[in-house]
Amino acid sequence: MGSLNSVLVAVDFSPCSAVALKAARRIADCNRASLRAVHVVALPSFEPAPHPLFPFTLPTQADLVSDARESWARFLADTGVPTDVTCDVEVGRPRDAILESVARDRADLLVLGAHGAHDAHKGVGPTAAACMQRAKTRVLLVREDHAGPFRNVVACVDFTETSMLALQEAIRAAAQDGAALRVLHVYDDPWHGLRPPAGIQVNMPDFTAEFRRRVEDRLREFCTPFAHELSALKAAYHCVESQWRGGGYGHAIVQFVKEQRCDLVLLGTRDRWNIRDMVFGSTAERVVREAPCSILAVKPELAS
């Protein structure tokens, strides 16, 4: 199982980032990993000019950075996190500055709130979504209402190397927090919702049940490298057919998460989402956008 030596948490001093900081602290402690925070002072793309009606001097960049450092000290005290956590105050576009911090620190995990103070209505804010997509490391998006240890973890498996790594991370998370672990695979109806051919109906009336059993066997076989750990955690295996869930892998995962009341989903993602994903929605994009829980994404380059 890959090591976790360095954790980076992005904070904007919102309630959601306070939950993210606590989660990052807990994960870093469990893995004996280093923990650093980063806050980005977002500046306008133009140099503000003093207006003749302003009876005061506009704040400089140095003033904004100084205010951010004072806000960090208050934020740290309010969250109750030990004061040994240091925070780098960067200046620029939040998404770019966070990604640069990930690369510079070679962070093994980036933790951030799913949204900030001004975009809570979106579920997942644009900065969080961009970091989930582009960061060259594991990314954990934490929901504001999921403070404390995770209790119900689900690993999404599609038989790829990346999903194997997601399974490893799920085992780690469940073991650390004493959570229930579910291993989920979503499969297609081979007849795409239509009636099977007449010959199948006559000669194999139990085809649907047998097909499901074969899928479950393949899922257990895929998980064999971690059979001992999964047995110790009493992991439950679930195979869900995508068609009767309304169609689409992402939809099936979201519905499963809601029904089972999972509070952490682990899944592999592609390196980049393309134009087709933005129009039709990839599995990962849909889960990130619609699942009402925290999400840990694993990138394909980590599996190589």
Protein backbone atom coordinates (compact mmCIF):
# COMPACT_ATOMS: atom_id res chain seq x y z
CA MET A 1 0.00 0.00 0.00
CA GLY A 2 1.46 3.37 -1.02
CA SER A 3 2.88 5.50 1.76
CA LEU A 4 1.34 8.76 2.87
CA ASN A 5 4.12 11.04 4.06
CA SER A 6 2.98 14.56 3.22
CA VAL A 7 -0.49 16.11 3.54
CA LEU A 8 -1.40 19.55 2.21
CA VAL A 9 -4.68 21.24 3.18
CA ALA A 10 -6.05 24.28 1.38
CA VAL A 11 -8.01 26.68 3.59
CA ASP A 12 -10.07 29.78 2.90
CA PHE A 13 -11.21 30.23 6.53
CA SER A 14 -14.76 29.09 5.72
CA PRO A 15 -16.64 26.54 7.89
CA CYS A 16 -16.12 23.89 5.22
CA SER A 17 -12.35 24.41 5.19
CA ALA A 18 -12.36 24.15 9.00
CA VAL A 19 -13.77 20.62 8.63
CA ALA A 20 -11.15 19.93 5.95
CA LEU A 21 -8.36 21.08 8.29
CA LYS A 22 -9.57 18.76 11.05
CA ALA A 23 -9.77 15.85 8.60
CA ALA A 24 -6.26 16.59 7.32
CA ARG A 25 -4.92 16.72 10.87
CA ARG A 26 -6.53 13.37 11.71
CA ILE A 27 -5.23 11.70 8.55
CA ALA A 28 -1.72 13.11 8.99
CA ASP A 29 -1.59 11.90 12.60
CA CYS A 30 -2.78 8.40 11.67
CA ASN A 31 -0.09 8.12 8.99
CA ARG A 32 2.63 10.01 10.88
CA ALA A 33 2.75 12.34 7.91
CA SER A 34 3.74 15.98 7.80
CA LEU A 35 0.94 18.54 7.50
CA ARG A 36 1.06 21.98 5.95
CA ALA A 37 -1.70 24.43 5.08
CA VAL A 38 -1.94 26.88 2.21
CA HIS A 39 -4.17 29.95 1.92
CA VAL A 40 -4.37 31.97 -1.27
CA VAL A 41 -5.00 35.70 -1.28
CA ALA A 42 -6.92 36.27 -4.48
CA LEU A 43 -6.02 39.60 -6.02
CA PRO A 44 -7.93 41.39 -8.81
CA SER A 45 -6.53 41.09 -12.31
CA PHE A 46 -6.02 44.86 -12.38
CA GLU A 47 -4.23 47.33 -10.13
CA PRO A 48 -6.93 49.25 -8.21
CA ALA A 49 -6.56 52.99 -8.56
CA PRO A 50 -7.47 55.25 -5.60
CA HIS A 51 -10.82 56.89 -6.12
CA PRO A 52 -11.08 60.58 -5.22
CA LEU A 53 -14.12 59.82 -3.06
CA PHE A 54 -12.24 57.26 -0.91
CA PRO A 55 -11.11 59.03 2.28
CA PHE A 56 -8.61 56.25 2.97
CA THR A 57 -5.71 54.43 1.36
CA LEU A 58 -6.57 51.20 -0.41
CA PRO A 59 -4.92 48.11 1.13
CA THR A 60 -1.71 46.96 -0.48
CA GLN A 61 -0.76 43.38 -1.26
CA ALA A 62 1.39 43.35 1.88
CA ASP A 63 -1.64 44.45 3.92
CA LEU A 64 -3.77 41.63 2.52
CA VAL A 65 -1.08 39.03 3.24
CA SER A 66 -0.68 40.35 6.79
CA ASP A 67 -4.44 40.18 7.34
CA ALA A 68 -4.46 36.59 6.05
CA ARG A 69 -1.77 35.56 8.53
CA GLU A 70 -3.79 37.07 11.39
CA SER A 71 -6.92 35.31 10.12
CA TRP A 72 -4.99 32.02 10.06
CA ALA A 73 -4.02 32.39 13.71
CA ARG A 74 -7.65 32.98 14.70
CA PHE A 75 -8.87 30.20 12.42
CA LEU A 76 -6.41 27.72 13.94
CA ALA A 77 -7.51 28.63 17.47
CA ASP A 78 -11.21 28.33 16.57
CA THR A 79 -10.80 24.86 15.04
CA GLY A 80 -8.82 23.57 18.02
CA VAL A 81 -6.10 22.10 15.79
CA PRO A 82 -2.62 22.10 17.40
CA THR A 83 -0.67 25.23 16.63
CA ASP A 84 2.28 23.34 15.13
CA VAL A 85 0.57 23.47 11.71
CA THR A 86 2.14 26.14 9.53
CA CYS A 87 0.32 27.96 6.75
CA ASP A 88 1.87 29.30 3.55
CA VAL A 89 0.09 32.44 2.37
CA GLU A 90 0.24 32.65 -1.42
CA VAL A 91 -0.94 35.41 -3.71
CA GLY A 92 -2.69 34.78 -7.00
CA ARG A 93 -5.42 32.66 -8.50
CA PRO A 94 -6.49 30.10 -5.87
CA ARG A 95 -6.60 27.12 -8.22
CA ASP A 96 -3.18 27.77 -9.71
CA ALA A 97 -1.52 28.58 -6.39
CA ILE A 98 -2.87 25.42 -4.75
CA LEU A 99 -1.71 23.24 -7.63
CA GLU A 100 1.73 24.86 -7.53
CA SER A 101 1.91 24.15 -3.78
CA VAL A 102 1.04 20.50 -4.39
CA ALA A 103 3.85 20.20 -6.94
CA ARG A 104 6.38 22.13 -4.84
CA ASP A 105 5.68 20.18 -1.63
CA ARG A 106 5.27 16.86 -3.48
CA ALA A 107 2.21 16.28 -1.36
CA ASP A 108 0.88 12.72 -1.20
CA LEU A 109 -2.60 14.02 -0.40
CA LEU A 110 -4.40 17.30 -1.00
CA VAL A 111 -7.34 17.99 1.32
CA LEU A 112 -9.79 20.82 0.78
CA GLY A 113 -13.37 21.73 1.50
CA ALA A 114 -15.87 20.93 -1.21
CA HIS A 115 -16.80 24.60 -1.40
CA GLY A 116 -15.95 27.98 0.06
CA ALA A 117 -18.01 30.54 1.90
CA HIS A 118 -19.34 32.11 -1.30
CA ASP A 119 -20.18 29.04 -3.39
CA ALA A 120 -21.82 26.67 -0.90
CA HIS A 121 -24.96 26.63 -3.06
CA LYS A 122 -22.98 24.89 -5.81
CA GLY A 123 -22.21 21.78 -3.75
CA VAL A 124 -18.71 21.64 -5.20
CA GLY A 125 -17.05 24.98 -5.87
CA PRO A 126 -15.03 25.70 -9.03
CA THR A 127 -11.68 25.78 -7.20
CA ALA A 128 -12.34 22.42 -5.54
CA ALA A 129 -13.48 20.88 -8.82
CA ALA A 130 -10.43 22.19 -10.68
CA CYS A 131 -8.05 20.84 -8.03
CA MET A 132 -9.82 17.48 -8.07
CA GLN A 133 -9.32 17.33 -11.83
CA ARG A 134 -5.79 18.68 -12.20
CA ALA A 135 -3.80 17.93 -9.04
CA LYS A 136 -1.09 15.31 -9.60
CA THR A 137 -1.85 13.55 -6.34
CA ARG A 138 -4.68 12.07 -4.30
CA VAL A 139 -7.41 14.63 -3.61
CA LEU A 140 -9.88 14.51 -0.73
CA LEU A 141 -12.92 16.79 -0.96
CA VAL A 142 -14.54 17.12 2.46
CA ARG A 143 -18.19 18.04 2.94
CA GLU A 144 -19.04 20.57 5.64
CA ASP A 145 -21.49 18.21 7.39
CA HIS A 146 -19.04 15.29 7.57
CA ALA A 147 -16.85 16.30 10.48
CA GLY A 148 -15.09 13.58 12.43
CA PRO A 149 -13.96 10.08 11.44
CA PHE A 150 -15.56 8.37 8.47
CA ARG A 151 -18.01 5.62 9.40
CA ASN A 152 -19.16 4.14 6.08
CA VAL A 153 -16.61 3.91 3.26
CA VAL A 154 -17.21 2.67 -0.28
CA ALA A 155 -14.51 1.80 -2.83
CA CYS A 156 -15.62 1.97 -6.47
CA VAL A 157 -13.97 -0.78 -8.53
CA ASP A 158 -14.02 -1.05 -12.33
CA PHE A 159 -11.18 -3.60 -12.64
CA THR A 160 -8.57 -1.03 -13.70
CA GLU A 161 -5.19 -0.46 -12.04
CA THR A 162 -6.40 2.91 -10.81
CA SER A 163 -9.40 1.37 -9.08
CA MET A 164 -7.05 -1.12 -7.42
CA LEU A 165 -5.24 1.83 -5.90
CA ALA A 166 -8.59 3.35 -4.86
CA LEU A 167 -9.34 0.05 -3.11
CA GLN A 168 -6.03 0.28 -1.24
CA GLU A 169 -6.86 3.80 -0.09
CA ALA A 170 -10.31 2.65 1.01
CA ILE A 171 -8.77 -0.10 3.11
CA ARG A 172 -6.45 2.45 4.70
CA ALA A 173 -9.30 4.88 5.45
CA ALA A 174 -11.60 2.20 6.88
CA ALA A 175 -8.84 0.73 9.06
CA GLN A 176 -7.78 4.12 10.41
CA ASP A 177 -11.29 5.29 11.28
CA GLY A 178 -12.81 1.92 12.22
CA ALA A 179 -15.35 2.34 9.42
CA ALA A 180 -17.52 -0.15 7.60
CA LEU A 181 -16.10 -0.89 4.15
CA ARG A 182 -18.09 -1.62 1.01
CA VAL A 183 -16.60 -2.62 -2.33
CA LEU A 184 -18.84 -1.58 -5.21
CA HIS A 185 -18.83 -2.56 -8.87
CA VAL A 186 -21.39 -1.22 -11.34
CA TYR A 187 -21.96 -3.42 -14.38
CA ASP A 188 -24.05 -3.16 -17.54
CA ASP A 189 -27.08 -5.21 -18.43
CA PRO A 190 -25.74 -7.27 -21.38
CA TRP A 191 -29.03 -6.74 -23.21
CA HIS A 192 -29.13 -3.00 -22.47
CA GLY A 193 -32.56 -3.14 -20.87
CA LEU A 194 -34.15 -5.25 -23.61
CA ARG A 195 -35.46 -8.80 -23.35
CA PRO A 196 -32.75 -11.42 -23.91
CA PRO A 197 -32.87 -13.43 -27.15
CA ALA A 198 -35.47 -16.17 -27.28
CA GLY A 199 -32.82 -18.90 -27.24
CA ILE A 200 -31.38 -17.52 -24.00
CA GLN A 201 -34.83 -17.29 -22.40
CA VAL A 202 -35.60 -20.92 -23.23
CA ASN A 203 -32.24 -22.54 -22.50
CA MET A 204 -30.98 -20.27 -19.72
CA PRO A 205 -34.00 -18.96 -17.80
CA ASP A 206 -31.72 -18.09 -14.87
CA PHE A 207 -29.28 -16.14 -17.05
CA THR A 208 -29.70 -12.83 -15.19
CA ALA A 209 -28.96 -14.36 -11.79
CA GLU A 210 -26.06 -16.41 -13.16
CA PHE A 211 -24.58 -13.37 -14.89
CA ARG A 212 -24.72 -11.43 -11.63
CA ARG A 213 -22.98 -14.28 -9.78
CA ARG A 214 -20.19 -14.28 -12.37
CA VAL A 215 -19.74 -10.53 -11.95
CA GLU A 216 -19.55 -10.97 -8.17
CA ASP A 217 -16.97 -13.74 -8.62
CA ARG A 218 -14.86 -11.47 -10.80
CA LEU A 219 -15.09 -8.69 -8.21
CA ARG A 220 -13.87 -10.98 -5.43
CA GLU A 221 -11.11 -12.32 -7.66
CA PHE A 222 -9.98 -8.76 -8.45
CA CYS A 223 -9.78 -8.02 -4.72
CA THR A 224 -7.73 -11.15 -3.96
CA PRO A 225 -4.43 -9.25 -3.40
CA PHE A 226 -6.08 -7.67 -0.34
CA ALA A 227 -8.20 -10.62 0.74
CA HIS A 228 -6.64 -10.68 4.23
CA GLU A 229 -7.23 -6.98 4.89
CA LEU A 230 -10.75 -7.09 3.45
CA SER A 231 -11.59 -10.13 5.57
CA ALA A 232 -10.28 -8.43 8.70
CA LEU A 233 -12.44 -5.38 7.96
CA LYS A 234 -15.44 -7.60 7.17
CA ALA A 235 -15.86 -5.81 3.86
CA ALA A 236 -19.15 -6.20 2.01
CA TYR A 237 -19.17 -6.73 -1.76
CA HIS A 238 -21.87 -5.10 -3.89
CA CYS A 239 -22.58 -5.50 -7.60
CA VAL A 240 -25.13 -3.06 -8.98
CA GLU A 241 -26.61 -3.14 -12.45
CA SER A 242 -26.50 0.29 -14.05
CA GLN A 243 -29.61 0.02 -16.22
CA TRP A 244 -32.25 -0.51 -13.56
CA ARG A 245 -30.70 2.30 -11.53
CA GLY A 246 -31.62 4.77 -14.25
CA GLY A 247 -28.61 4.32 -16.51
CA GLY A 248 -25.01 5.37 -16.19
CA TYR A 249 -22.27 4.32 -13.80
CA GLY A 250 -22.09 7.69 -12.06
CA HIS A 251 -25.83 7.71 -11.37
CA ALA A 252 -25.67 4.18 -9.99
CA ILE A 253 -22.80 5.09 -7.64
CA VAL A 254 -24.60 8.20 -6.40
CA GLN A 255 -27.80 6.25 -5.75
CA PHE A 256 -25.87 3.54 -3.90
CA VAL A 257 -24.12 6.14 -1.74
CA LYS A 258 -27.43 7.73 -0.81
CA GLU A 259 -29.16 4.43 -0.02
CA GLN A 260 -26.28 3.09 2.07
CA ARG A 261 -25.61 6.47 3.70
CA CYS A 262 -21.91 6.35 2.89
CA ASP A 263 -19.80 9.29 4.04
CA LEU A 264 -16.69 8.65 1.94
CA VAL A 265 -16.39 7.48 -1.67
CA LEU A 266 -13.05 6.43 -3.14
CA LEU A 267 -12.71 6.18 -6.90
CA GLY A 268 -10.14 6.37 -9.64
CA THR A 269 -10.25 9.25 -12.09
CA ARG A 270 -8.74 10.00 -15.46
CA ASP A 271 -5.88 12.44 -15.71
CA ARG A 272 -8.09 15.06 -17.32
CA TRP A 273 -11.80 15.50 -18.03
CA ASN A 274 -12.42 16.35 -21.66
CA ILE A 275 -15.11 18.25 -23.57
CA ARG A 276 -17.29 15.15 -23.79
CA ASP A 277 -17.19 14.84 -20.00
CA MET A 278 -18.30 18.45 -19.57
CA VAL A 279 -21.24 17.89 -21.95
CA PHE A 280 -22.32 14.37 -21.01
CA GLY A 281 -20.56 13.94 -17.66
CA SER A 282 -17.91 11.35 -16.81
CA THR A 283 -18.48 8.88 -13.98
CA ALA A 284 -16.08 10.74 -11.69
CA GLU A 285 -17.49 14.16 -12.61
CA ARG A 286 -21.02 13.05 -11.83
CA VAL A 287 -20.07 11.48 -8.51
CA VAL A 288 -18.09 14.57 -7.48
CA ARG A 289 -20.98 16.83 -8.42
CA GLU A 290 -23.90 14.80 -7.03
CA ALA A 291 -22.73 12.49 -4.23
CA PRO A 292 -23.73 13.95 -0.83
CA CYS A 293 -20.53 12.85 0.88
CA SER A 294 -16.78 13.35 0.96
CA ILE A 295 -14.79 12.02 -1.99
CA LEU A 296 -11.22 10.82 -2.35
CA ALA A 297 -9.99 10.67 -5.94
CA VAL A 298 -6.97 8.64 -7.05
CA LYS A 299 -5.15 9.53 -10.26
CA PRO A 300 -3.92 7.01 -12.87
CA GLU A 301 -0.28 8.15 -12.68
CA LEU A 302 -0.20 7.01 -9.05
CA ALA A 303 -0.97 3.46 -10.15
CA SER A 304 1.96 3.26 -12.57
